Structure formats: C-alpha cells, structure tokens
Amino acid sequence: MGELDATYGAVLVGVFVSAVLYGVTNVQVYVFFREYPRDVIWNKFAVLWLWFLDTVHLGLCFHMVYWYLITNYANPTQLLIVVWSFQVCYSSSRT
C-alpha cells in the first residue's frame, strides 16, 4: 500500500489543518458577536451561515477520513467505493 500512504496521508494532514483553522474560525465568530452586538442582522446571519457551512464541511471530511482509515482499515476492496460524505462535499462544490 505504498502508493496509498501519500494519498491518504495527505488527506489526513489536510483534515487536521482544516480542524485547526476551524478553531480559528470559532474564535473569530465569538469575537464578532461579542464586539459587534449591534451590527446589522444580515451580517450576523452571514457569519452564522458561513460558520454552519464550515462546521458541516469539517464533519463530512472527518467522516470520510474515519471511514477510509479506521472503519475499513486493511480492506482494500472498500477503496473502490466512494463514501457518501465525499459525494456530498464534491457535489456541493460542483454547483
């Protein structure tokens, strides 16, 4: 599985980096709502909507990595299947 190490290793590192950046996003959302309580409702809605989308995206990424690397560890036939969480992320980015 030497050729898969680089592929799935890169995906795992990417999800870890994304999780760190998600933490930064959480701090920014907290600071926004604390420092600008009288901001326009549309700005608050936009911040909450983007935070929600980021949360869903990170959850789907974690599910995909968990499914391939933990649930189907040492089961190379499952590599032929595209997990549903990856299909959701890919189809939403194509539209």
PDB file of N, CA and C in Angstrom:
ATOM      1  N   MET A   1       0.818  -1.204   0.000  1.00  0.00           N
ATOM      2  CA  MET A   1       0.000   0.000   0.000  1.00  0.00           C
ATOM      3  C   MET A   1       0.853   1.254   0.000  1.00  0.00           C
ATOM      4  N   GLY A   2       2.031   1.187  -0.547  1.00  0.00           N
ATOM      5  CA  GLY A   2       2.938   2.316  -0.545  1.00  0.00           C
ATOM      6  C   GLY A   2       2.398   3.529  -1.265  1.00  0.00           C
ATOM      7  N   GLU A   3       1.718   3.299  -2.395  1.00  0.00           N
ATOM      8  CA  GLU A   3       1.196   4.434  -3.146  1.00  0.00           C
ATOM      9  C   GLU A   3       0.014   5.090  -2.442  1.00  0.00           C
ATOM     10  N   LEU A   4      -0.659   4.370  -1.569  1.00  0.00           N
ATOM     11  CA  LEU A   4      -1.785   4.946  -0.843  1.00  0.00           C
ATOM     12  C   LEU A   4      -1.344   5.766   0.352  1.00  0.00           C
ATOM     13  N   ASP A   5      -0.146   5.496   0.858  1.00  0.00           N
ATOM     14  CA  ASP A   5       0.334   6.236   2.026  1.00  0.00           C
ATOM     15  C   ASP A   5       0.378   7.734   1.762  1.00  0.00           C
ATOM     16  N   ALA A   6       0.892   8.107   0.608  1.00  0.00           N
ATOM     17  CA  ALA A   6       0.997   9.532   0.284  1.00  0.00           C
ATOM     18  C   ALA A   6      -0.383  10.153   0.083  1.00  0.00           C
ATOM     19  N   THR A   7      -1.290   9.417  -0.528  1.00  0.00           N
ATOM     20  CA  THR A   7      -2.620   9.959  -0.811  1.00  0.00           C
ATOM     21  C   THR A   7      -3.428  10.156   0.466  1.00  0.00           C
ATOM     22  N   TYR A   8      -3.595   9.092   1.225  1.00  0.00           N
ATOM     23  CA  TYR A   8      -4.411   9.194   2.431  1.00  0.00           C
ATOM     24  C   TYR A   8      -3.688   9.935   3.546  1.00  0.00           C
ATOM     25  N   GLY A   9      -2.379   9.900   3.538  1.00  0.00           N
ATOM     26  CA  GLY A   9      -1.626  10.706   4.489  1.00  0.00           C
ATOM     27  C   GLY A   9      -1.854  12.189   4.257  1.00  0.00           C
ATOM     28  N   ALA A  10      -1.883  12.586   2.982  1.00  0.00           N
ATOM     29  CA  ALA A  10      -2.132  13.991   2.651  1.00  0.00           C
ATOM     30  C   ALA A  10      -3.548  14.405   3.035  1.00  0.00           C
ATOM     31  N   VAL A  11      -4.501  13.513   2.837  1.00  0.00           N
ATOM     32  CA  VAL A  11      -5.883  13.817   3.218  1.00  0.00           C
ATOM     33  C   VAL A  11      -5.981  13.983   4.732  1.00  0.00           C
ATOM     34  N   LEU A  12      -5.325  13.094   5.471  1.00  0.00           N
ATOM     35  CA  LEU A  12      -5.363  13.177   6.926  1.00  0.00           C
ATOM     36  C   LEU A  12      -4.733  14.471   7.441  1.00  0.00           C
ATOM     37  N   VAL A  13      -3.591  14.835   6.890  1.00  0.00           N
ATOM     38  CA  VAL A  13      -2.943  16.088   7.287  1.00  0.00           C
ATOM     39  C   VAL A  13      -3.830  17.276   6.911  1.00  0.00           C
ATOM     40  N   GLY A  14      -4.452  17.213   5.751  1.00  0.00           N
ATOM     41  CA  GLY A  14      -5.347  18.288   5.330  1.00  0.00           C
ATOM     42  C   GLY A  14      -6.533  18.465   6.264  1.00  0.00           C
ATOM     43  N   VAL A  15      -7.090  17.368   6.739  1.00  0.00           N
ATOM     44  CA  VAL A  15      -8.216  17.457   7.676  1.00  0.00           C
ATOM     45  C   VAL A  15      -7.742  18.009   9.014  1.00  0.00           C
ATOM     46  N   PHE A  16      -6.546  17.618   9.450  1.00  0.00           N
ATOM     47  CA  PHE A  16      -6.010  18.170  10.696  1.00  0.00           C
ATOM     48  C   PHE A  16      -5.802  19.681  10.587  1.00  0.00           C
ATOM     49  N   VAL A  17      -5.237  20.127   9.483  1.00  0.00           N
ATOM     50  CA  VAL A  17      -5.030  21.567   9.275  1.00  0.00           C
ATOM     51  C   VAL A  17      -6.382  22.287   9.212  1.00  0.00           C
ATOM     52  N   SER A  18      -7.337  21.669   8.543  1.00  0.00           N
ATOM     53  CA  SER A  18      -8.670  22.254   8.467  1.00  0.00           C
ATOM     54  C   SER A  18      -9.303  22.368   9.848  1.00  0.00           C
ATOM     55  N   ALA A  19      -9.071  21.397  10.711  1.00  0.00           N
ATOM     56  CA  ALA A  19      -9.615  21.447  12.071  1.00  0.00           C
ATOM     57  C   ALA A  19      -8.980  22.579  12.875  1.00  0.00           C
ATOM     58  N   VAL A  20      -7.697  22.801  12.680  1.00  0.00           N
ATOM     59  CA  VAL A  20      -7.034  23.915  13.369  1.00  0.00           C
ATOM     60  C   VAL A  20      -7.609  25.243  12.883  1.00  0.00           C
ATOM     61  N   LEU A  21      -7.781  25.373  11.594  1.00  0.00           N
ATOM     62  CA  LEU A  21      -8.347  26.609  11.050  1.00  0.00           C
ATOM     63  C   LEU A  21      -9.804  26.786  11.466  1.00  0.00           C
ATOM     64  N   TYR A  22     -10.512  25.683  11.671  1.00  0.00           N
ATOM     65  CA  TYR A  22     -11.879  25.760  12.181  1.00  0.00           C
ATOM     66  C   TYR A  22     -11.880  26.337  13.598  1.00  0.00           C
ATOM     67  N   GLY A  23     -10.891  25.992  14.383  1.00  0.00           N
ATOM     68  CA  GLY A  23     -10.760  26.583  15.714  1.00  0.00           C
ATOM     69  C   GLY A  23     -10.552  28.080  15.642  1.00  0.00           C
ATOM     70  N   VAL A  24      -9.756  28.521  14.697  1.00  0.00           N
ATOM     71  CA  VAL A  24      -9.552  29.960  14.494  1.00  0.00           C
ATOM     72  C   VAL A  24     -10.871  30.617  14.092  1.00  0.00           C
ATOM     73  N   THR A  25     -11.630  29.945  13.237  1.00  0.00           N
ATOM     74  CA  THR A  25     -12.932  30.472  12.825  1.00  0.00           C
ATOM     75  C   THR A  25     -13.867  30.618  14.021  1.00  0.00           C
ATOM     76  N   ASN A  26     -13.851  29.635  14.921  1.00  0.00           N
ATOM     77  CA  ASN A  26     -14.708  29.728  16.109  1.00  0.00           C
ATOM     78  C   ASN A  26     -14.352  30.937  16.964  1.00  0.00           C
ATOM     79  N   VAL A  27     -13.077  31.212  17.111  1.00  0.00           N
ATOM     80  CA  VAL A  27     -12.649  32.384  17.879  1.00  0.00           C
ATOM     81  C   VAL A  27     -13.107  33.663  17.183  1.00  0.00           C
ATOM     82  N   GLN A  28     -12.987  33.709  15.869  1.00  0.00           N
ATOM     83  CA  GLN A  28     -13.418  34.895  15.137  1.00  0.00           C
ATOM     84  C   GLN A  28     -14.918  35.126  15.260  1.00  0.00           C
ATOM     85  N   VAL A  29     -15.699  34.058  15.199  1.00  0.00           N
ATOM     86  CA  VAL A  29     -17.153  34.189  15.345  1.00  0.00           C
ATOM     87  C   VAL A  29     -17.493  34.686  16.751  1.00  0.00           C
ATOM     88  N   TYR A  30     -16.836  34.140  17.752  1.00  0.00           N
ATOM     89  CA  TYR A  30     -17.064  34.582  19.134  1.00  0.00           C
ATOM     90  C   TYR A  30     -16.730  36.064  19.297  1.00  0.00           C
ATOM     91  N   VAL A  31     -15.587  36.466  18.785  1.00  0.00           N
ATOM     92  CA  VAL A  31     -15.176  37.875  18.909  1.00  0.00           C
ATOM     93  C   VAL A  31     -16.144  38.778  18.146  1.00  0.00           C
ATOM     94  N   PHE A  32     -16.592  38.358  16.981  1.00  0.00           N
ATOM     95  CA  PHE A  32     -17.528  39.169  16.203  1.00  0.00           C
ATOM     96  C   PHE A  32     -18.808  39.432  16.994  1.00  0.00           C
ATOM     97  N   PHE A  33     -19.398  38.383  17.551  1.00  0.00           N
ATOM     98  CA  PHE A  33     -20.659  38.565  18.269  1.00  0.00           C
ATOM     99  C   PHE A  33     -20.471  39.294  19.595  1.00  0.00           C
ATOM    100  N   ARG A  34     -19.294  39.206  20.160  1.00  0.00           N
ATOM    101  CA  ARG A  34     -19.046  39.911  21.414  1.00  0.00           C
ATOM    102  C   ARG A  34     -18.748  41.394  21.177  1.00  0.00           C
ATOM    103  N   GLU A  35     -17.986  41.702  20.143  1.00  0.00           N
ATOM    104  CA  GLU A  35     -17.561  43.087  19.896  1.00  0.00           C
ATOM    105  C   GLU A  35     -18.565  43.900  19.081  1.00  0.00           C
ATOM    106  N   TYR A  36     -19.415  43.242  18.313  1.00  0.00           N
ATOM    107  CA  TYR A  36     -20.357  43.966  17.452  1.00  0.00           C
ATOM    108  C   TYR A  36     -21.791  43.492  17.696  1.00  0.00           C
ATOM    109  N   PRO A  37     -22.313  43.695  18.902  1.00  0.00           N
ATOM    110  CA  PRO A  37     -23.673  43.199  19.190  1.00  0.00           C
ATOM    111  C   PRO A  37     -24.769  43.967  18.450  1.00  0.00           C
ATOM    112  N   ARG A  38     -24.476  45.172  18.024  1.00  0.00           N
ATOM    113  CA  ARG A  38     -25.490  45.995  17.341  1.00  0.00           C
ATOM    114  C   ARG A  38     -25.312  46.003  15.832  1.00  0.00           C
ATOM    115  N   ASP A  39     -24.543  45.076  15.318  1.00  0.00           N
ATOM    116  CA  ASP A  39     -24.328  45.013  13.869  1.00  0.00           C
ATOM    117  C   ASP A  39     -25.630  44.619  13.170  1.00  0.00           C
ATOM    118  N   VAL A  40     -25.685  44.886  11.889  1.00  0.00           N
ATOM    119  CA  VAL A  40     -26.880  44.605  11.089  1.00  0.00           C
ATOM    120  C   VAL A  40     -27.176  43.103  11.136  1.00  0.00           C
ATOM    121  N   ILE A  41     -28.471  42.783  11.159  1.00  0.00           N
ATOM    122  CA  ILE A  41     -28.882  41.380  11.283  1.00  0.00           C
ATOM    123  C   ILE A  41     -28.370  40.532  10.109  1.00  0.00           C
ATOM    124  N   TRP A  42     -28.258  41.134   8.924  1.00  0.00           N
ATOM    125  CA  TRP A  42     -27.784  40.374   7.760  1.00  0.00           C
ATOM    126  C   TRP A  42     -26.318  39.977   7.922  1.00  0.00           C
ATOM    127  N   ASN A  43     -25.535  40.827   8.547  1.00  0.00           N
ATOM    128  CA  ASN A  43     -24.140  40.461   8.807  1.00  0.00           C
ATOM    129  C   ASN A  43     -24.053  39.308   9.801  1.00  0.00           C
ATOM    130  N   LYS A  44     -24.881  39.369  10.824  1.00  0.00           N
ATOM    131  CA  LYS A  44     -24.903  38.276  11.799  1.00  0.00           C
ATOM    132  C   LYS A  44     -25.356  36.975  11.153  1.00  0.00           C
ATOM    133  N   PHE A  45     -26.372  37.073  10.317  1.00  0.00           N
ATOM    134  CA  PHE A  45     -26.856  35.885   9.620  1.00  0.00           C
ATOM    135  C   PHE A  45     -25.774  35.309   8.700  1.00  0.00           C
ATOM    136  N   ALA A  46     -25.056  36.171   7.996  1.00  0.00           N
ATOM    137  CA  ALA A  46     -23.994  35.707   7.099  1.00  0.00           C
ATOM    138  C   ALA A  46     -22.876  35.016   7.869  1.00  0.00           C
ATOM    139  N   VAL A  47     -22.502  35.578   9.007  1.00  0.00           N
ATOM    140  CA  VAL A  47     -21.455  34.969   9.827  1.00  0.00           C
ATOM    141  C   VAL A  47     -21.916  33.610  10.336  1.00  0.00           C
ATOM    142  N   LEU A  48     -23.144  33.525  10.844  1.00  0.00           N
ATOM    143  CA  LEU A  48     -23.657  32.250  11.336  1.00  0.00           C
ATOM    144  C   LEU A  48     -23.785  31.216  10.227  1.00  0.00           C
ATOM    145  N   TRP A  49     -24.234  31.640   9.051  1.00  0.00           N
ATOM    146  CA  TRP A  49     -24.391  30.718   7.925  1.00  0.00           C
ATOM    147  C   TRP A  49     -23.035  30.166   7.480  1.00  0.00           C
ATOM    148  N   LEU A  50     -22.041  31.024   7.363  1.00  0.00           N
ATOM    149  CA  LEU A  50     -20.714  30.558   6.967  1.00  0.00           C
ATOM    150  C   LEU A  50     -20.091  29.664   8.034  1.00  0.00           C
ATOM    151  N   TRP A  51     -20.321  29.989   9.307  1.00  0.00           N
ATOM    152  CA  TRP A  51     -19.835  29.127  10.382  1.00  0.00           C
ATOM    153  C   TRP A  51     -20.503  27.749  10.324  1.00  0.00           C
ATOM    154  N   PHE A  52     -21.806  27.731  10.063  1.00  0.00           N
ATOM    155  CA  PHE A  52     -22.535  26.473   9.942  1.00  0.00           C
ATOM    156  C   PHE A  52     -22.016  25.643   8.771  1.00  0.00           C
ATOM    157  N   LEU A  53     -21.802  26.274   7.624  1.00  0.00           N
ATOM    158  CA  LEU A  53     -21.283  25.542   6.469  1.00  0.00           C
ATOM    159  C   LEU A  53     -19.886  24.982   6.735  1.00  0.00           C
ATOM    160  N   ASP A  54     -19.067  25.753   7.416  1.00  0.00           N
ATOM    161  CA  ASP A  54     -17.726  25.281   7.767  1.00  0.00           C
ATOM    162  C   ASP A  54     -17.805  24.094   8.719  1.00  0.00           C
ATOM    163  N   THR A  55     -18.745  24.133   9.654  1.00  0.00           N
ATOM    164  CA  THR A  55     -18.933  23.034  10.597  1.00  0.00           C
ATOM    165  C   THR A  55     -19.367  21.764   9.875  1.00  0.00           C
ATOM    166  N   VAL A  56     -20.333  21.884   8.987  1.00  0.00           N
ATOM    167  CA  VAL A  56     -20.807  20.720   8.231  1.00  0.00           C
ATOM    168  C   VAL A  56     -19.688  20.161   7.360  1.00  0.00           C
ATOM    169  N   HIS A  57     -18.943  21.022   6.704  1.00  0.00           N
ATOM    170  CA  HIS A  57     -17.851  20.576   5.840  1.00  0.00           C
ATOM    171  C   HIS A  57     -16.801  19.813   6.629  1.00  0.00           C
ATOM    172  N   LEU A  58     -16.414  20.327   7.780  1.00  0.00           N
ATOM    173  CA  LEU A  58     -15.414  19.640   8.592  1.00  0.00           C
ATOM    174  C   LEU A  58     -15.944  18.293   9.087  1.00  0.00           C
ATOM    175  N   GLY A  59     -17.206  18.246   9.454  1.00  0.00           N
ATOM    176  CA  GLY A  59     -17.797  16.976   9.873  1.00  0.00           C
ATOM    177  C   GLY A  59     -17.794  15.938   8.771  1.00  0.00           C
ATOM    178  N   LEU A  60     -18.123  16.359   7.558  1.00  0.00           N
ATOM    179  CA  LEU A  60     -18.101  15.440   6.419  1.00  0.00           C
ATOM    180  C   LEU A  60     -16.683  14.974   6.106  1.00  0.00           C
ATOM    181  N   CYS A  61     -15.721  15.878   6.224  1.00  0.00           N
ATOM    182  CA  CYS A  61     -14.319  15.494   5.990  1.00  0.00           C
ATOM    183  C   CYS A  61     -13.851  14.482   7.024  1.00  0.00           C
ATOM    184  N   PHE A  62     -14.195  14.701   8.291  1.00  0.00           N
ATOM    185  CA  PHE A  62     -13.827  13.748   9.335  1.00  0.00           C
ATOM    186  C   PHE A  62     -14.491  12.391   9.103  1.00  0.00           C
ATOM    187  N   HIS A  63     -15.743  12.411   8.681  1.00  0.00           N
ATOM    188  CA  HIS A  63     -16.426  11.145   8.400  1.00  0.00           C
ATOM    189  C   HIS A  63     -15.726  10.394   7.289  1.00  0.00           C
ATOM    190  N   MET A  64     -15.341  11.080   6.215  1.00  0.00           N
ATOM    191  CA  MET A  64     -14.677  10.424   5.099  1.00  0.00           C
ATOM    192  C   MET A  64     -13.352   9.809   5.535  1.00  0.00           C
ATOM    193  N   VAL A  65     -12.543  10.565   6.258  1.00  0.00           N
ATOM    194  CA  VAL A  65     -11.244  10.061   6.706  1.00  0.00           C
ATOM    195  C   VAL A  65     -11.432   8.890   7.663  1.00  0.00           C
ATOM    196  N   TYR A  66     -12.389   8.985   8.571  1.00  0.00           N
ATOM    197  CA  TYR A  66     -12.641   7.904   9.517  1.00  0.00           C
ATOM    198  C   TYR A  66     -13.088   6.645   8.785  1.00  0.00           C
ATOM    199  N   TRP A  67     -13.952   6.810   7.803  1.00  0.00           N
ATOM    200  CA  TRP A  67     -14.480   5.658   7.064  1.00  0.00           C
ATOM    201  C   TRP A  67     -13.376   4.924   6.321  1.00  0.00           C
ATOM    202  N   TYR A  68     -12.507   5.669   5.658  1.00  0.00           N
ATOM    203  CA  TYR A  68     -11.433   5.021   4.900  1.00  0.00           C
ATOM    204  C   TYR A  68     -10.307   4.501   5.795  1.00  0.00           C
ATOM    205  N   LEU A  69      -9.897   5.270   6.786  1.00  0.00           N
ATOM    206  CA  LEU A  69      -8.695   4.926   7.542  1.00  0.00           C
ATOM    207  C   LEU A  69      -8.959   4.103   8.795  1.00  0.00           C
ATOM    208  N   ILE A  70     -10.143   4.153   9.368  1.00  0.00           N
ATOM    209  CA  ILE A  70     -10.432   3.419  10.596  1.00  0.00           C
ATOM    210  C   ILE A  70     -11.403   2.270  10.332  1.00  0.00           C
ATOM    211  N   THR A  71     -12.580   2.588   9.828  1.00  0.00           N
ATOM    212  CA  THR A  71     -13.595   1.565   9.622  1.00  0.00           C
ATOM    213  C   THR A  71     -13.142   0.507   8.626  1.00  0.00           C
ATOM    214  N   ASN A  72     -12.521   0.912   7.552  1.00  0.00           N
ATOM    215  CA  ASN A  72     -12.109  -0.025   6.502  1.00  0.00           C
ATOM    216  C   ASN A  72     -10.607  -0.193   6.435  1.00  0.00           C
ATOM    217  N   TYR A  73      -9.969  -0.163   7.582  1.00  0.00           N
ATOM    218  CA  TYR A  73      -8.526  -0.373   7.645  1.00  0.00           C
ATOM    219  C   TYR A  73      -8.195  -1.772   7.129  1.00  0.00           C
ATOM    220  N   ALA A  74      -7.196  -1.872   6.275  1.00  0.00           N
ATOM    221  CA  ALA A  74      -6.725  -3.146   5.699  1.00  0.00           C
ATOM    222  C   ALA A  74      -7.818  -3.856   4.907  1.00  0.00           C
ATOM    223  N   ASN A  75      -8.715  -3.099   4.317  1.00  0.00           N
ATOM    224  CA  ASN A  75      -9.770  -3.651   3.473  1.00  0.00           C
ATOM    225  C   ASN A  75      -9.713  -2.942   2.121  1.00  0.00           C
ATOM    226  N   PRO A  76      -8.766  -3.329   1.252  1.00  0.00           N
ATOM    227  CA  PRO A  76      -8.542  -2.578   0.019  1.00  0.00           C
ATOM    228  C   PRO A  76      -9.720  -2.598  -0.953  1.00  0.00           C
ATOM    229  N   THR A  77     -10.642  -3.542  -0.833  1.00  0.00           N
ATOM    230  CA  THR A  77     -11.791  -3.544  -1.739  1.00  0.00           C
ATOM    231  C   THR A  77     -12.698  -2.342  -1.495  1.00  0.00           C
ATOM    232  N   GLN A  78     -12.684  -1.810  -0.275  1.00  0.00           N
ATOM    233  CA  GLN A  78     -13.518  -0.645   0.043  1.00  0.00           C
ATOM    234  C   GLN A  78     -12.978   0.640  -0.569  1.00  0.00           C
ATOM    235  N   LEU A  79     -11.732   0.606  -1.055  1.00  0.00           N
ATOM    236  CA  LEU A  79     -11.182   1.794  -1.708  1.00  0.00           C
ATOM    237  C   LEU A  79     -11.858   2.066  -3.049  1.00  0.00           C
ATOM    238  N   LEU A  80     -12.545   1.073  -3.577  1.00  0.00           N
ATOM    239  CA  LEU A  80     -13.262   1.248  -4.847  1.00  0.00           C
ATOM    240  C   LEU A  80     -14.587   1.970  -4.653  1.00  0.00           C
ATOM    241  N   ILE A  81     -15.038   2.078  -3.418  1.00  0.00           N
ATOM    242  CA  ILE A  81     -16.313   2.728  -3.112  1.00  0.00           C
ATOM    243  C   ILE A  81     -16.047   4.168  -2.700  1.00  0.00           C
ATOM    244  N   VAL A  82     -16.842   5.082  -3.246  1.00  0.00           N
ATOM    245  CA  VAL A  82     -16.759   6.482  -2.832  1.00  0.00           C
ATOM    246  C   VAL A  82     -17.778   6.685  -1.725  1.00  0.00           C
ATOM    247  N   VAL A  83     -17.297   7.019  -0.544  1.00  0.00           N
ATOM    248  CA  VAL A  83     -18.167   7.157   0.619  1.00  0.00           C
ATOM    249  C   VAL A  83     -19.121   8.336   0.414  1.00  0.00           C
ATOM    250  N   TRP A  84     -20.309   8.240   1.024  1.00  0.00           N
ATOM    251  CA  TRP A  84     -21.360   9.234   0.795  1.00  0.00           C
ATOM    252  C   TRP A  84     -20.951  10.632   1.230  1.00  0.00           C
ATOM    253  N   SER A  85     -20.166  10.751   2.295  1.00  0.00           N
ATOM    254  CA  SER A  85     -19.781  12.085   2.769  1.00  0.00           C
ATOM    255  C   SER A  85     -18.880  12.796   1.753  1.00  0.00           C
ATOM    256  N   PHE A  86     -18.052  12.046   1.045  1.00  0.00           N
ATOM    257  CA  PHE A  86     -17.227  12.646  -0.008  1.00  0.00           C
ATOM    258  C   PHE A  86     -18.095  13.063  -1.182  1.00  0.00           C
ATOM    259  N   GLN A  87     -19.101  12.271  -1.502  1.00  0.00           N
ATOM    260  CA  GLN A  87     -20.001  12.626  -2.598  1.00  0.00           C
ATOM    261  C   GLN A  87     -20.775  13.906  -2.283  1.00  0.00           C
ATOM    262  N   VAL A  88     -21.168  14.083  -1.031  1.00  0.00           N
ATOM    263  CA  VAL A  88     -21.892  15.300  -0.631  1.00  0.00           C
ATOM    264  C   VAL A  88     -20.987  16.518  -0.801  1.00  0.00           C
ATOM    265  N   CYS A  89     -19.751  16.419  -0.325  1.00  0.00           N
ATOM    266  CA  CYS A  89     -18.812  17.545  -0.452  1.00  0.00           C
ATOM    267  C   CYS A  89     -18.523  17.839  -1.920  1.00  0.00           C
ATOM    268  N   TYR A  90     -18.296  16.803  -2.710  1.00  0.00           N
ATOM    269  CA  TYR A  90     -17.923  17.007  -4.106  1.00  0.00           C
ATOM    270  C   TYR A  90     -19.101  17.561  -4.913  1.00  0.00           C
ATOM    271  N   SER A  91     -20.301  17.033  -4.685  1.00  0.00           N
ATOM    272  CA  SER A  91     -21.451  17.502  -5.469  1.00  0.00           C
ATOM    273  C   SER A  91     -21.823  18.934  -5.089  1.00  0.00           C
ATOM    274  N   SER A  92     -21.624  19.326  -3.831  1.00  0.00           N
ATOM    275  CA  SER A  92     -21.972  20.691  -3.445  1.00  0.00           C
ATOM    276  C   SER A  92     -20.949  21.707  -3.987  1.00  0.00           C
ATOM    277  N   SER A  93     -19.715  21.278  -4.206  1.00  0.00           N
ATOM    278  CA  SER A  93     -18.722  22.201  -4.732  1.00  0.00           C
ATOM    279  C   SER A  93     -18.807  22.345  -6.236  1.00  0.00           C
ATOM    280  N   ARG A  94     -19.485  21.433  -6.913  1.00  0.00           N
ATOM    281  CA  ARG A  94     -19.599  21.490  -8.366  1.00  0.00           C
ATOM    282  C   ARG A  94     -20.719  22.408  -8.809  1.00  0.00           C
ATOM    283  N   THR A  95     -21.683  22.715  -7.950  1.00  0.00           N
ATOM    284  CA  THR A  95     -22.820  23.526  -8.369  1.00  0.00           C
ATOM    285  C   THR A  95     -22.538  24.985  -8.235  1.00  0.00           C
TER     286      THR A  95
END
